Amino acid sequence: MCKSAFLSVLMLLLIGGCQGGKSGSTDAELGRIALAQKIELVEATGGLVLMVGGETVTSDEIIESPVERNEGVVSLAEHLKPISQISPPEQFKEQARGQVEEILTAKILNILLYQDAKRQAGKNIDEGLEKVAEREWRKFVLNFGGDQAKADEALEQMGTDRTSFKKEQKRSILIQSHIASNMADERPVTYREFIDCYNEIKDEFFVRPAMIKFQLIDIQPAKLEVSNPNKNRRELAKELAYKLLGRIEAGEDFGELAKQYSHGHMREFGGLWKPVQPQSLAAPYDILAAEAQKTEPG
């Protein structure tokens, strides 16, 4: 119910003049017709770009789009880089496809919604949007103690500038206003409705496939220094392994411990392993990685 209502609103906003189409056409069919009329792949300098209602979407825009991770916001390219290093090409494509599609869909919807909102709002909306965007810019500057130079520097680090920031604010404000004006029911959404809606769409929109990451702290007894003559290197290696296991279980970073204690090939990468050629140089690591891939998630 929640999903179909959301799609109906989007169709209402995006289809526009398609209501006079063939009798009996479904919302989905009309939506496909509308999108097909507004989206096309064209050649441009440097390769193909997607034209959406006259605006371009390039591959660079997609791979530089921000993605949230536990340690902060990074670009999609930076997010996918470690996955590409440890996954075979076909597996990597499958893992990356969902995120690329999600970002591309959001950009297409953003463009089409903005164009429809601008058309309905008329020319007089520009002055009002400019004032609101300026107010949002001042709020942003306050986060840096009112120092505009520092605010500009922060935007530069995010790959944008003041002009683009204001432009994006205008788009966002107009789109939100446009969607709100088309939502007839102003009744607040209850917590139960919110949860029911989430449960209905979570398997399609909020589930990410499990990925097995193989990290290794390779302790080689022959490379350990013996300070206690009463213990041999094998005993020292076993003691070190149990000590590291305790530190990992206590919450210490596995990658940092690997950089410090591992004797393996991928020590500098925190023990994060990817297959190498020739196979004889990789044994037994590739064998262990292959076995790890067979285990069940969790």
C-alpha atoms as a PDB file:
ATOM      1  CA  MET A   1       0.000   0.000   0.000  1.00  0.00           C
ATOM      2  CA  CYS A   2       2.740   2.435   1.026  1.00  0.00           C
ATOM      3  CA  LYS A   3       4.852   1.587  -2.010  1.00  0.00           C
ATOM      4  CA  SER A   4       1.988   1.899  -4.485  1.00  0.00           C
ATOM      5  CA  ALA A   5       0.989   5.272  -2.998  1.00  0.00           C
ATOM      6  CA  PHE A   6       4.529   6.575  -3.355  1.00  0.00           C
ATOM      7  CA  LEU A   7       4.749   5.369  -6.956  1.00  0.00           C
ATOM      8  CA  SER A   8       1.391   6.946  -7.755  1.00  0.00           C
ATOM      9  CA  VAL A   9       2.627  10.336  -6.539  1.00  0.00           C
ATOM     10  CA  LEU A  10       5.778  10.017  -8.648  1.00  0.00           C
ATOM     11  CA  MET A  11       3.742   9.038 -11.698  1.00  0.00           C
ATOM     12  CA  LEU A  12       1.428  11.990 -11.132  1.00  0.00           C
ATOM     13  CA  LEU A  13       4.423  14.348 -11.012  1.00  0.00           C
ATOM     14  CA  LEU A  14       6.409  12.839 -13.882  1.00  0.00           C
ATOM     15  CA  ILE A  15       3.798  11.761 -16.409  1.00  0.00           C
ATOM     16  CA  GLY A  16       2.383  15.261 -16.882  1.00  0.00           C
ATOM     17  CA  GLY A  17       0.623  15.302 -20.229  1.00  0.00           C
ATOM     18  CA  CYS A  18       0.359  11.559 -20.671  1.00  0.00           C
ATOM     19  CA  GLN A  19      -3.124  11.237 -19.206  1.00  0.00           C
ATOM     20  CA  GLY A  20      -4.636  11.479 -22.638  1.00  0.00           C
ATOM     21  CA  GLY A  21      -2.952   8.257 -23.697  1.00  0.00           C
ATOM     22  CA  LYS A  22      -4.498   5.007 -24.743  1.00  0.00           C
ATOM     23  CA  SER A  23      -7.514   3.925 -22.721  1.00  0.00           C
ATOM     24  CA  GLY A  24      -6.791   1.187 -20.201  1.00  0.00           C
ATOM     25  CA  SER A  25      -3.061   1.961 -19.851  1.00  0.00           C
ATOM     26  CA  THR A  26      -1.666   1.345 -16.377  1.00  0.00           C
ATOM     27  CA  ASP A  27       0.303   3.890 -14.346  1.00  0.00           C
ATOM     28  CA  ALA A  28       3.475   1.845 -14.892  1.00  0.00           C
ATOM     29  CA  GLU A  29       2.962   1.772 -18.680  1.00  0.00           C
ATOM     30  CA  LEU A  30       2.303   5.515 -18.791  1.00  0.00           C
ATOM     31  CA  GLY A  31       5.369   6.097 -16.643  1.00  0.00           C
ATOM     32  CA  ARG A  32       7.582   4.117 -19.010  1.00  0.00           C
ATOM     33  CA  ILE A  33       6.242   6.107 -21.962  1.00  0.00           C
ATOM     34  CA  ALA A  34       6.932   9.413 -20.189  1.00  0.00           C
ATOM     35  CA  LEU A  35      10.444   8.431 -19.153  1.00  0.00           C
ATOM     36  CA  ALA A  36      11.267   7.058 -22.608  1.00  0.00           C
ATOM     37  CA  GLN A  37      10.276  10.421 -24.104  1.00  0.00           C
ATOM     38  CA  LYS A  38      12.507  12.382 -21.693  1.00  0.00           C
ATOM     39  CA  ILE A  39      15.609  10.159 -21.336  1.00  0.00           C
ATOM     40  CA  GLU A  40      18.106   9.225 -24.026  1.00  0.00           C
ATOM     41  CA  LEU A  41      21.736   8.145 -24.339  1.00  0.00           C
ATOM     42  CA  VAL A  42      23.773  10.471 -26.567  1.00  0.00           C
ATOM     43  CA  GLU A  43      27.406  10.835 -27.624  1.00  0.00           C
ATOM     44  CA  ALA A  44      29.402  13.727 -26.180  1.00  0.00           C
ATOM     45  CA  THR A  45      33.024  14.730 -25.745  1.00  0.00           C
ATOM     46  CA  GLY A  46      34.689  12.014 -23.709  1.00  0.00           C
ATOM     47  CA  GLY A  47      31.994   9.362 -24.255  1.00  0.00           C
ATOM     48  CA  LEU A  48      28.292   8.722 -23.797  1.00  0.00           C
ATOM     49  CA  VAL A  49      26.097  10.802 -21.490  1.00  0.00           C
ATOM     50  CA  LEU A  50      22.502  10.412 -20.389  1.00  0.00           C
ATOM     51  CA  MET A  51      20.191  13.249 -21.458  1.00  0.00           C
ATOM     52  CA  VAL A  52      17.290  13.722 -19.041  1.00  0.00           C
ATOM     53  CA  GLY A  53      14.837  16.376 -20.137  1.00  0.00           C
ATOM     54  CA  GLY A  54      17.673  18.354 -21.726  1.00  0.00           C
ATOM     55  CA  GLU A  55      20.055  18.021 -18.744  1.00  0.00           C
ATOM     56  CA  THR A  56      23.095  15.755 -18.841  1.00  0.00           C
ATOM     57  CA  VAL A  57      24.136  13.041 -16.407  1.00  0.00           C
ATOM     58  CA  THR A  58      27.735  11.867 -16.894  1.00  0.00           C
ATOM     59  CA  SER A  59      29.525   8.802 -15.569  1.00  0.00           C
ATOM     60  CA  ASP A  60      31.842  11.114 -13.599  1.00  0.00           C
ATOM     61  CA  GLU A  61      28.830  12.543 -11.733  1.00  0.00           C
ATOM     62  CA  ILE A  62      27.747   9.025 -10.784  1.00  0.00           C
ATOM     63  CA  ILE A  63      31.123   7.762  -9.531  1.00  0.00           C
ATOM     64  CA  GLU A  64      31.783  10.984  -7.607  1.00  0.00           C
ATOM     65  CA  SER A  65      28.370  10.884  -5.894  1.00  0.00           C
ATOM     66  CA  PRO A  66      28.594  10.799  -2.075  1.00  0.00           C
ATOM     67  CA  VAL A  67      28.030   7.507  -0.246  1.00  0.00           C
ATOM     68  CA  GLU A  68      27.641   7.223   3.515  1.00  0.00           C
ATOM     69  CA  ARG A  69      29.898   4.787   5.376  1.00  0.00           C
ATOM     70  CA  ASN A  70      30.591   4.215   9.060  1.00  0.00           C
ATOM     71  CA  GLU A  71      33.698   6.402   8.939  1.00  0.00           C
ATOM     72  CA  GLY A  72      31.960   9.215   7.039  1.00  0.00           C
ATOM     73  CA  VAL A  73      30.925  10.256   3.540  1.00  0.00           C
ATOM     74  CA  VAL A  74      33.067   9.168   0.565  1.00  0.00           C
ATOM     75  CA  SER A  75      32.597   9.103  -3.202  1.00  0.00           C
ATOM     76  CA  LEU A  76      31.059   6.025  -4.832  1.00  0.00           C
ATOM     77  CA  ALA A  77      34.406   5.370  -6.565  1.00  0.00           C
ATOM     78  CA  GLU A  78      36.246   5.413  -3.241  1.00  0.00           C
ATOM     79  CA  HIS A  79      33.567   3.217  -1.681  1.00  0.00           C
ATOM     80  CA  LEU A  80      33.823   0.595  -4.443  1.00  0.00           C
ATOM     81  CA  LYS A  81      37.635   0.610  -4.737  1.00  0.00           C
ATOM     82  CA  PRO A  82      38.393  -1.924  -1.945  1.00  0.00           C
ATOM     83  CA  ILE A  83      35.590  -4.181  -3.215  1.00  0.00           C
ATOM     84  CA  SER A  84      37.114  -4.188  -6.716  1.00  0.00           C
ATOM     85  CA  GLN A  85      40.490  -5.204  -5.255  1.00  0.00           C
ATOM     86  CA  ILE A  86      39.201  -8.372  -3.598  1.00  0.00           C
ATOM     87  CA  SER A  87      36.324  -9.451  -5.888  1.00  0.00           C
ATOM     88  CA  PRO A  88      36.388 -11.165  -9.315  1.00  0.00           C
ATOM     89  CA  PRO A  89      35.125  -8.848 -12.132  1.00  0.00           C
ATOM     90  CA  GLU A  90      31.668 -10.434 -12.486  1.00  0.00           C
ATOM     91  CA  GLN A  91      31.067 -10.480  -8.733  1.00  0.00           C
ATOM     92  CA  PHE A  92      32.193  -6.865  -8.463  1.00  0.00           C
ATOM     93  CA  LYS A  93      29.817  -5.784 -11.252  1.00  0.00           C
ATOM     94  CA  GLU A  94      26.910  -7.472  -9.486  1.00  0.00           C
ATOM     95  CA  GLN A  95      27.748  -5.801  -6.171  1.00  0.00           C
ATOM     96  CA  ALA A  96      28.268  -2.358  -7.710  1.00  0.00           C
ATOM     97  CA  ARG A  97      25.241  -2.429 -10.023  1.00  0.00           C
ATOM     98  CA  GLY A  98      22.659  -1.893  -7.276  1.00  0.00           C
ATOM     99  CA  GLN A  99      24.371   1.210  -5.872  1.00  0.00           C
ATOM    100  CA  VAL A 100      24.955   2.693  -9.336  1.00  0.00           C
ATOM    101  CA  GLU A 101      21.280   2.142 -10.241  1.00  0.00           C
ATOM    102  CA  GLU A 102      20.151   3.718  -6.954  1.00  0.00           C
ATOM    103  CA  ILE A 103      22.235   6.863  -7.519  1.00  0.00           C
ATOM    104  CA  LEU A 104      21.266   7.129 -11.194  1.00  0.00           C
ATOM    105  CA  THR A 105      17.548   6.736 -10.407  1.00  0.00           C
ATOM    106  CA  ALA A 106      17.776   9.445  -7.737  1.00  0.00           C
ATOM    107  CA  LYS A 107      19.471  11.831 -10.193  1.00  0.00           C
ATOM    108  CA  ILE A 108      16.869  11.180 -12.910  1.00  0.00           C
ATOM    109  CA  LEU A 109      13.972  11.695 -10.504  1.00  0.00           C
ATOM    110  CA  ASN A 110      15.624  14.831  -9.138  1.00  0.00           C
ATOM    111  CA  ILE A 111      15.930  16.354 -12.618  1.00  0.00           C
ATOM    112  CA  LEU A 112      12.400  15.451 -13.756  1.00  0.00           C
ATOM    113  CA  LEU A 113      10.783  16.565 -10.513  1.00  0.00           C
ATOM    114  CA  TYR A 114      12.676  19.869 -10.567  1.00  0.00           C
ATOM    115  CA  GLN A 115      11.691  20.592 -14.171  1.00  0.00           C
ATOM    116  CA  ASP A 116       8.039  19.853 -13.468  1.00  0.00           C
ATOM    117  CA  ALA A 117       8.139  21.923 -10.270  1.00  0.00           C
ATOM    118  CA  LYS A 118       9.777  24.868 -12.097  1.00  0.00           C
ATOM    119  CA  ARG A 119       7.205  24.710 -14.883  1.00  0.00           C
ATOM    120  CA  GLN A 120       4.272  24.788 -12.449  1.00  0.00           C
ATOM    121  CA  ALA A 121       5.814  27.457 -10.200  1.00  0.00           C
ATOM    122  CA  GLY A 122       6.326  29.967 -13.034  1.00  0.00           C
ATOM    123  CA  LYS A 123       8.988  32.648 -13.538  1.00  0.00           C
ATOM    124  CA  ASN A 124       8.227  34.606 -10.352  1.00  0.00           C
ATOM    125  CA  ILE A 125       9.645  31.819  -8.202  1.00  0.00           C
ATOM    126  CA  ASP A 126      13.303  32.690  -8.940  1.00  0.00           C
ATOM    127  CA  GLU A 127      13.557  35.660  -6.587  1.00  0.00           C
ATOM    128  CA  GLY A 128      12.035  33.758  -3.683  1.00  0.00           C
ATOM    129  CA  LEU A 129      14.327  30.760  -4.249  1.00  0.00           C
ATOM    130  CA  GLU A 130      17.374  33.030  -4.340  1.00  0.00           C
ATOM    131  CA  LYS A 131      16.492  34.455  -0.907  1.00  0.00           C
ATOM    132  CA  VAL A 132      15.979  31.000   0.593  1.00  0.00           C
ATOM    133  CA  ALA A 133      19.246  29.693  -0.909  1.00  0.00           C
ATOM    134  CA  GLU A 134      21.113  32.689   0.504  1.00  0.00           C
ATOM    135  CA  ARG A 135      19.619  31.991   3.936  1.00  0.00           C
ATOM    136  CA  GLU A 136      20.758  28.345   3.725  1.00  0.00           C
ATOM    137  CA  TRP A 137      24.236  29.518   2.734  1.00  0.00           C
ATOM    138  CA  ARG A 138      24.415  31.763   5.812  1.00  0.00           C
ATOM    139  CA  LYS A 139      23.366  28.818   8.008  1.00  0.00           C
ATOM    140  CA  PHE A 140      26.135  26.720   6.456  1.00  0.00           C
ATOM    141  CA  VAL A 141      28.728  29.462   7.112  1.00  0.00           C
ATOM    142  CA  LEU A 142      27.679  29.594  10.795  1.00  0.00           C
ATOM    143  CA  ASN A 143      28.908  25.995  11.138  1.00  0.00           C
ATOM    144  CA  PHE A 144      32.400  27.445  10.589  1.00  0.00           C
ATOM    145  CA  GLY A 145      32.050  30.298  13.063  1.00  0.00           C
ATOM    146  CA  GLY A 146      30.851  32.699  10.369  1.00  0.00           C
ATOM    147  CA  ASP A 147      34.122  32.361   8.415  1.00  0.00           C
ATOM    148  CA  GLN A 148      33.121  32.290   4.720  1.00  0.00           C
ATOM    149  CA  ALA A 149      36.660  31.351   3.631  1.00  0.00           C
ATOM    150  CA  LYS A 150      36.533  28.212   5.776  1.00  0.00           C
ATOM    151  CA  ALA A 151      33.037  27.400   4.463  1.00  0.00           C
ATOM    152  CA  ASP A 152      34.277  27.758   0.877  1.00  0.00           C
ATOM    153  CA  GLU A 153      37.233  25.515   1.694  1.00  0.00           C
ATOM    154  CA  ALA A 154      34.903  22.860   3.124  1.00  0.00           C
ATOM    155  CA  LEU A 155      32.789  22.954  -0.047  1.00  0.00           C
ATOM    156  CA  GLU A 156      35.925  22.593  -2.156  1.00  0.00           C
ATOM    157  CA  GLN A 157      36.884  19.479  -0.196  1.00  0.00           C
ATOM    158  CA  MET A 158      33.430  18.084  -0.990  1.00  0.00           C
ATOM    159  CA  GLY A 159      34.039  18.724  -4.692  1.00  0.00           C
ATOM    160  CA  THR A 160      31.691  21.680  -5.038  1.00  0.00           C
ATOM    161  CA  ASP A 161      31.559  25.471  -4.589  1.00  0.00           C
ATOM    162  CA  ARG A 162      29.284  28.231  -3.307  1.00  0.00           C
ATOM    163  CA  THR A 163      27.411  28.669  -6.594  1.00  0.00           C
ATOM    164  CA  SER A 164      26.713  24.937  -6.892  1.00  0.00           C
ATOM    165  CA  PHE A 165      25.715  24.792  -3.214  1.00  0.00           C
ATOM    166  CA  LYS A 166      23.076  27.488  -3.684  1.00  0.00           C
ATOM    167  CA  LYS A 167      21.865  25.930  -6.919  1.00  0.00           C
ATOM    168  CA  GLU A 168      21.402  22.578  -5.201  1.00  0.00           C
ATOM    169  CA  GLN A 169      19.550  24.257  -2.321  1.00  0.00           C
ATOM    170  CA  LYS A 170      17.131  25.894  -4.769  1.00  0.00           C
ATOM    171  CA  ARG A 171      16.450  22.571  -6.472  1.00  0.00           C
ATOM    172  CA  SER A 172      15.940  20.738  -3.192  1.00  0.00           C
ATOM    173  CA  ILE A 173      13.592  23.366  -1.748  1.00  0.00           C
ATOM    174  CA  LEU A 174      11.479  23.597  -4.898  1.00  0.00           C
ATOM    175  CA  ILE A 175      11.225  19.806  -5.252  1.00  0.00           C
ATOM    176  CA  GLN A 176      10.196  19.342  -1.609  1.00  0.00           C
ATOM    177  CA  SER A 177       7.574  22.061  -1.932  1.00  0.00           C
ATOM    178  CA  HIS A 178       6.305  20.536  -5.178  1.00  0.00           C
ATOM    179  CA  ILE A 179       5.949  17.049  -3.711  1.00  0.00           C
ATOM    180  CA  ALA A 180       4.259  18.392  -0.567  1.00  0.00           C
ATOM    181  CA  SER A 181       1.714  20.314  -2.635  1.00  0.00           C
ATOM    182  CA  ASN A 182       0.784  17.124  -4.488  1.00  0.00           C
ATOM    183  CA  MET A 183       0.304  15.079  -1.345  1.00  0.00           C
ATOM    184  CA  ALA A 184      -3.383  15.583  -0.674  1.00  0.00           C
ATOM    185  CA  ASP A 185      -3.437  13.891   2.732  1.00  0.00           C
ATOM    186  CA  GLU A 186      -1.880  16.221   5.310  1.00  0.00           C
ATOM    187  CA  ARG A 187      -2.571  13.821   8.173  1.00  0.00           C
ATOM    188  CA  PRO A 188       0.641  13.006  10.103  1.00  0.00           C
ATOM    189  CA  VAL A 189       2.115   9.563   9.479  1.00  0.00           C
ATOM    190  CA  THR A 190       1.895   7.366  12.559  1.00  0.00           C
ATOM    191  CA  TYR A 191       4.805   5.289  13.815  1.00  0.00           C
ATOM    192  CA  ARG A 192       2.888   2.084  13.038  1.00  0.00           C
ATOM    193  CA  GLU A 193       2.299   3.226   9.441  1.00  0.00           C
ATOM    194  CA  PHE A 194       5.964   4.101   9.119  1.00  0.00           C
ATOM    195  CA  ILE A 195       7.050   0.646  10.339  1.00  0.00           C
ATOM    196  CA  ASP A 196       4.497  -1.126   8.099  1.00  0.00           C
ATOM    197  CA  CYS A 197       5.735   0.861   5.111  1.00  0.00           C
ATOM    198  CA  TYR A 198       9.348   0.000   5.901  1.00  0.00           C
ATOM    199  CA  ASN A 199       8.578  -3.707   6.306  1.00  0.00           C
ATOM    200  CA  GLU A 200       6.768  -3.682   2.970  1.00  0.00           C
ATOM    201  CA  ILE A 201       9.660  -2.251   0.961  1.00  0.00           C
ATOM    202  CA  LYS A 202      12.757  -3.183   2.985  1.00  0.00           C
ATOM    203  CA  ASP A 203      13.570  -6.345   0.991  1.00  0.00           C
ATOM    204  CA  GLU A 204      13.706  -4.328  -2.226  1.00  0.00           C
ATOM    205  CA  PHE A 205      15.264  -1.049  -1.111  1.00  0.00           C
ATOM    206  CA  PHE A 206      17.104  -1.584   2.186  1.00  0.00           C
ATOM    207  CA  VAL A 207      18.759  -4.994   1.899  1.00  0.00           C
ATOM    208  CA  ARG A 208      22.362  -5.237   0.778  1.00  0.00           C
ATOM    209  CA  PRO A 209      23.795  -8.637  -0.154  1.00  0.00           C
ATOM    210  CA  ALA A 210      26.314 -10.049   2.294  1.00  0.00           C
ATOM    211  CA  MET A 211      29.951  -9.864   1.229  1.00  0.00           C
ATOM    212  CA  ILE A 212      32.694 -12.021   2.671  1.00  0.00           C
ATOM    213  CA  LYS A 213      35.885 -10.105   3.392  1.00  0.00           C
ATOM    214  CA  PHE A 214      38.992 -12.223   3.945  1.00  0.00           C
ATOM    215  CA  GLN A 215      41.531 -10.588   6.273  1.00  0.00           C
ATOM    216  CA  LEU A 216      44.535 -12.410   7.615  1.00  0.00           C
ATOM    217  CA  ILE A 217      47.117 -11.937  10.368  1.00  0.00           C
ATOM    218  CA  ASP A 218      49.767 -14.410   9.251  1.00  0.00           C
ATOM    219  CA  ILE A 219      52.102 -15.229  12.139  1.00  0.00           C
ATOM    220  CA  GLN A 220      55.201 -17.068  10.898  1.00  0.00           C
ATOM    221  CA  PRO A 221      57.182 -18.573  13.813  1.00  0.00           C
ATOM    222  CA  ALA A 222      60.488 -18.401  11.922  1.00  0.00           C
ATOM    223  CA  LYS A 223      60.244 -14.592  11.814  1.00  0.00           C
ATOM    224  CA  LEU A 224      59.642 -14.122  15.545  1.00  0.00           C
ATOM    225  CA  GLU A 225      62.443 -12.955  17.831  1.00  0.00           C
ATOM    226  CA  VAL A 226      63.134 -15.288  20.778  1.00  0.00           C
ATOM    227  CA  SER A 227      63.853 -13.412  24.002  1.00  0.00           C
ATOM    228  CA  ASN A 228      63.038 -16.291  26.363  1.00  0.00           C
ATOM    229  CA  PRO A 229      65.378 -19.288  25.810  1.00  0.00           C
ATOM    230  CA  ASN A 230      62.869 -21.584  27.552  1.00  0.00           C
ATOM    231  CA  LYS A 231      60.277 -21.070  24.780  1.00  0.00           C
ATOM    232  CA  ASN A 232      60.544 -22.046  21.142  1.00  0.00           C
ATOM    233  CA  ARG A 233      59.192 -20.004  18.257  1.00  0.00           C
ATOM    234  CA  ARG A 234      56.078 -22.160  17.832  1.00  0.00           C
ATOM    235  CA  GLU A 235      55.030 -21.547  21.420  1.00  0.00           C
ATOM    236  CA  LEU A 236      55.666 -17.811  21.011  1.00  0.00           C
ATOM    237  CA  ALA A 237      53.578 -17.774  17.825  1.00  0.00           C
ATOM    238  CA  LYS A 238      50.682 -19.514  19.595  1.00  0.00           C
ATOM    239  CA  GLU A 239      50.839 -17.085  22.526  1.00  0.00           C
ATOM    240  CA  LEU A 240      50.876 -14.109  20.165  1.00  0.00           C
ATOM    241  CA  ALA A 241      47.882 -15.495  18.251  1.00  0.00           C
ATOM    242  CA  TYR A 242      45.801 -15.864  21.449  1.00  0.00           C
ATOM    243  CA  LYS A 243      46.874 -12.421  22.630  1.00  0.00           C
ATOM    244  CA  LEU A 244      45.830 -10.825  19.306  1.00  0.00           C
ATOM    245  CA  LEU A 245      42.537 -12.728  19.325  1.00  0.00           C
ATOM    246  CA  GLY A 246      41.762 -11.273  22.745  1.00  0.00           C
ATOM    247  CA  ARG A 247      42.553  -7.747  21.547  1.00  0.00           C
ATOM    248  CA  ILE A 248      40.333  -8.184  18.479  1.00  0.00           C
ATOM    249  CA  GLU A 249      37.453  -9.510  20.586  1.00  0.00           C
ATOM    250  CA  ALA A 250      37.926  -6.491  22.879  1.00  0.00           C
ATOM    251  CA  GLY A 251      37.254  -4.209  19.920  1.00  0.00           C
ATOM    252  CA  GLU A 252      40.688  -3.313  18.517  1.00  0.00           C
ATOM    253  CA  ASP A 253      40.949  -2.757  14.771  1.00  0.00           C
ATOM    254  CA  PHE A 254      41.863  -5.964  12.928  1.00  0.00           C
ATOM    255  CA  GLY A 255      43.533  -4.090  10.050  1.00  0.00           C
ATOM    256  CA  GLU A 256      45.805  -2.087  12.343  1.00  0.00           C
ATOM    257  CA  LEU A 257      46.860  -5.230  14.218  1.00  0.00           C
ATOM    258  CA  ALA A 258      47.575  -6.940  10.887  1.00  0.00           C
ATOM    259  CA  LYS A 259      49.805  -4.049   9.810  1.00  0.00           C
ATOM    260  CA  GLN A 260      51.728  -4.356  13.066  1.00  0.00           C
ATOM    261  CA  TYR A 261      52.004  -8.131  13.565  1.00  0.00           C
ATOM    262  CA  SER A 262      51.316  -9.997  10.305  1.00  0.00           C
ATOM    263  CA  HIS A 263      54.141 -11.478   8.237  1.00  0.00           C
ATOM    264  CA  GLY A 264      51.857 -12.039   5.231  1.00  0.00           C
ATOM    265  CA  HIS A 265      51.955 -10.560   1.728  1.00  0.00           C
ATOM    266  CA  MET A 266      49.058  -8.140   2.367  1.00  0.00           C
ATOM    267  CA  ARG A 267      50.292  -6.814   5.697  1.00  0.00           C
ATOM    268  CA  GLU A 268      50.436  -3.182   4.489  1.00  0.00           C
ATOM    269  CA  PHE A 269      46.765  -3.449   3.426  1.00  0.00           C
ATOM    270  CA  GLY A 270      45.620  -4.554   6.879  1.00  0.00           C
ATOM    271  CA  GLY A 271      45.704  -8.215   5.859  1.00  0.00           C
ATOM    272  CA  LEU A 272      42.899  -7.676   3.318  1.00  0.00           C
ATOM    273  CA  TRP A 273      43.512 -10.386   0.753  1.00  0.00           C
ATOM    274  CA  LYS A 274      42.920 -10.559  -2.994  1.00  0.00           C
ATOM    275  CA  PRO A 275      43.971 -13.418  -5.330  1.00  0.00           C
ATOM    276  CA  VAL A 276      47.408 -13.096  -6.951  1.00  0.00           C
ATOM    277  CA  GLN A 277      49.231 -14.722  -9.852  1.00  0.00           C
ATOM    278  CA  PRO A 278      51.015 -17.055 -10.130  1.00  0.00           C
ATOM    279  CA  GLN A 279      49.055 -19.219  -7.721  1.00  0.00           C
ATOM    280  CA  SER A 280      52.228 -20.802  -6.305  1.00  0.00           C
ATOM    281  CA  LEU A 281      53.153 -17.448  -4.724  1.00  0.00           C
ATOM    282  CA  ALA A 282      49.730 -17.093  -3.125  1.00  0.00           C
ATOM    283  CA  ALA A 283      49.426 -20.463  -1.387  1.00  0.00           C
ATOM    284  CA  PRO A 284      48.038 -20.998   1.169  1.00  0.00           C
ATOM    285  CA  TYR A 285      46.249 -17.617   1.151  1.00  0.00           C
ATOM    286  CA  ASP A 286      44.140 -18.150  -1.982  1.00  0.00           C
ATOM    287  CA  ILE A 287      43.118 -21.568  -0.688  1.00  0.00           C
ATOM    288  CA  LEU A 288      41.942 -20.028   2.595  1.00  0.00           C
ATOM    289  CA  ALA A 289      40.153 -17.209   0.752  1.00  0.00           C
ATOM    290  CA  ALA A 290      38.326 -19.748  -1.446  1.00  0.00           C
ATOM    291  CA  GLU A 291      37.208 -21.674   1.656  1.00  0.00           C
ATOM    292  CA  ALA A 292      36.004 -18.436   3.293  1.00  0.00           C
ATOM    293  CA  GLN A 293      33.786 -17.751   0.258  1.00  0.00           C
ATOM    294  CA  LYS A 294      31.921 -21.034   0.919  1.00  0.00           C
ATOM    295  CA  THR A 295      30.835 -20.056   4.430  1.00  0.00           C
ATOM    296  CA  GLU A 296      27.345 -18.792   5.197  1.00  0.00           C
ATOM    297  CA  PRO A 297      26.910 -15.056   5.969  1.00  0.00           C
ATOM    298  CA  GLY A 298      26.872 -14.344   9.682  1.00  0.00           C
END
